[in-house]
Amino acid sequence: MRALYFASGALALVACTEMAGGTLPLGAGYRDPADQCVRVGENDFTNQFLGDASDLVGCPVDYEGTGVFMTETGAVLVAVADGYELYSVPLR
């Protein structure tokens, strides 16, 4: 699956991985306990996206605040799984 996104005024092509089955280990809201975007934990699928320099965050596929979330956090879409878009968010 490929998705086109405009990032910093330039066209960026992002290759996305879609998870086949399984469930995401979802945590609390990322920026606020009531936030629809949540921290995503570690499992066999998410391991490939976890790192020391970023957080893995999942936002519902139909979340209307995705653009604002990406702009405010510097998030980069890395996958789509279980109804969530998964983002790598650099630590600040």
Protein backbone atom coordinates (compact mmCIF):
# COMPACT_ATOMS: atom_id res chain seq x y z
CA MET A 1 0.00 0.00 0.00
CA ARG A 2 1.38 3.44 -0.83
CA ALA A 3 0.07 6.78 0.34
CA LEU A 4 0.91 10.30 -0.79
CA TYR A 5 1.42 13.00 1.80
CA PHE A 6 2.54 16.61 1.60
CA ALA A 7 5.32 17.23 4.09
CA SER A 8 6.94 20.64 4.52
CA GLY A 9 5.63 21.81 1.16
CA ALA A 10 7.23 18.89 -0.70
CA LEU A 11 5.60 15.76 -2.02
CA ALA A 12 6.69 12.74 -0.01
CA LEU A 13 6.02 9.14 -0.97
CA VAL A 14 5.55 6.90 2.05
CA ALA A 15 5.57 3.12 1.78
CA CYS A 16 3.19 1.62 4.32
CA THR A 17 3.03 -1.87 5.70
CA GLU A 18 -0.34 -3.37 6.49
CA MET A 19 -0.55 -5.91 9.30
CA ALA A 20 -2.25 -9.18 8.51
CA GLY A 21 -4.27 -10.17 11.57
CA GLY A 22 -3.28 -9.79 15.20
CA THR A 23 -3.91 -6.98 17.61
CA LEU A 24 -1.89 -3.93 18.45
CA PRO A 25 -0.70 -3.47 22.05
CA LEU A 26 -2.33 -0.06 22.63
CA GLY A 27 -1.54 2.17 25.58
CA ALA A 28 -2.73 5.50 26.96
CA GLY A 29 -3.29 8.71 24.99
CA TYR A 30 -0.07 10.05 23.52
CA ARG A 31 -0.20 13.78 24.30
CA ASP A 32 -3.03 13.63 26.82
CA PRO A 33 -4.90 10.76 28.52
CA ALA A 34 -8.01 11.64 26.47
CA ASP A 35 -6.09 11.85 23.16
CA GLN A 36 -7.39 9.57 20.36
CA CYS A 37 -3.77 8.92 19.31
CA VAL A 38 -2.23 6.38 21.65
CA ARG A 39 1.16 4.89 22.41
CA VAL A 40 1.71 1.52 20.76
CA GLY A 41 3.65 -1.17 22.57
CA GLU A 42 5.91 -3.95 21.40
CA ASN A 43 4.91 -7.14 19.60
CA ASP A 44 6.20 -9.14 16.64
CA PHE A 45 4.71 -6.68 14.15
CA THR A 46 5.54 -3.36 15.84
CA ASN A 47 9.16 -4.28 16.64
CA GLN A 48 10.22 -3.18 13.17
CA PHE A 49 9.03 0.38 13.88
CA LEU A 50 10.33 0.85 17.43
CA GLY A 51 13.55 2.70 18.16
CA ASP A 52 15.43 4.65 20.78
CA ALA A 53 14.97 7.97 18.99
CA SER A 54 11.19 7.83 18.48
CA ASP A 55 7.85 6.77 19.91
CA LEU A 56 5.39 4.59 18.02
CA VAL A 57 1.93 6.15 18.08
CA GLY A 58 -1.36 4.90 16.62
CA CYS A 59 -4.16 7.20 15.49
CA PRO A 60 -7.56 5.90 14.33
CA VAL A 61 -7.71 5.72 10.53
CA ASP A 62 -10.68 8.13 10.49
CA TYR A 63 -9.16 10.60 12.99
CA GLU A 64 -9.84 14.16 11.81
CA GLY A 65 -6.88 15.63 13.70
CA THR A 66 -4.21 13.64 11.85
CA GLY A 67 -2.82 16.65 9.98
CA VAL A 68 -2.46 18.69 13.15
CA PHE A 69 -0.95 15.70 14.98
CA MET A 70 1.67 15.22 12.24
CA THR A 71 2.53 18.93 12.12
CA GLU A 72 2.81 19.33 15.91
CA THR A 73 4.84 16.16 16.52
CA GLY A 74 6.85 15.63 13.32
CA ALA A 75 5.19 12.21 12.98
CA VAL A 76 5.89 10.02 9.94
CA LEU A 77 3.40 7.37 8.80
CA VAL A 78 5.01 3.90 8.89
CA ALA A 79 2.11 1.41 8.77
CA VAL A 80 -1.62 0.79 8.94
CA ALA A 81 -2.92 -1.94 11.22
CA ASP A 82 -6.10 -2.88 13.08
CA GLY A 83 -7.88 0.36 12.16
CA TYR A 84 -4.93 2.55 13.23
CA GLU A 85 -2.36 4.51 11.27
CA LEU A 86 0.98 3.99 12.99
CA TYR A 87 3.38 6.90 13.22
CA SER A 88 7.00 7.17 14.22
CA VAL A 89 7.25 10.31 16.35
CA PRO A 90 10.76 11.69 16.97
CA LEU A 91 11.64 12.29 20.61
CA ARG A 92 12.22 15.94 21.42
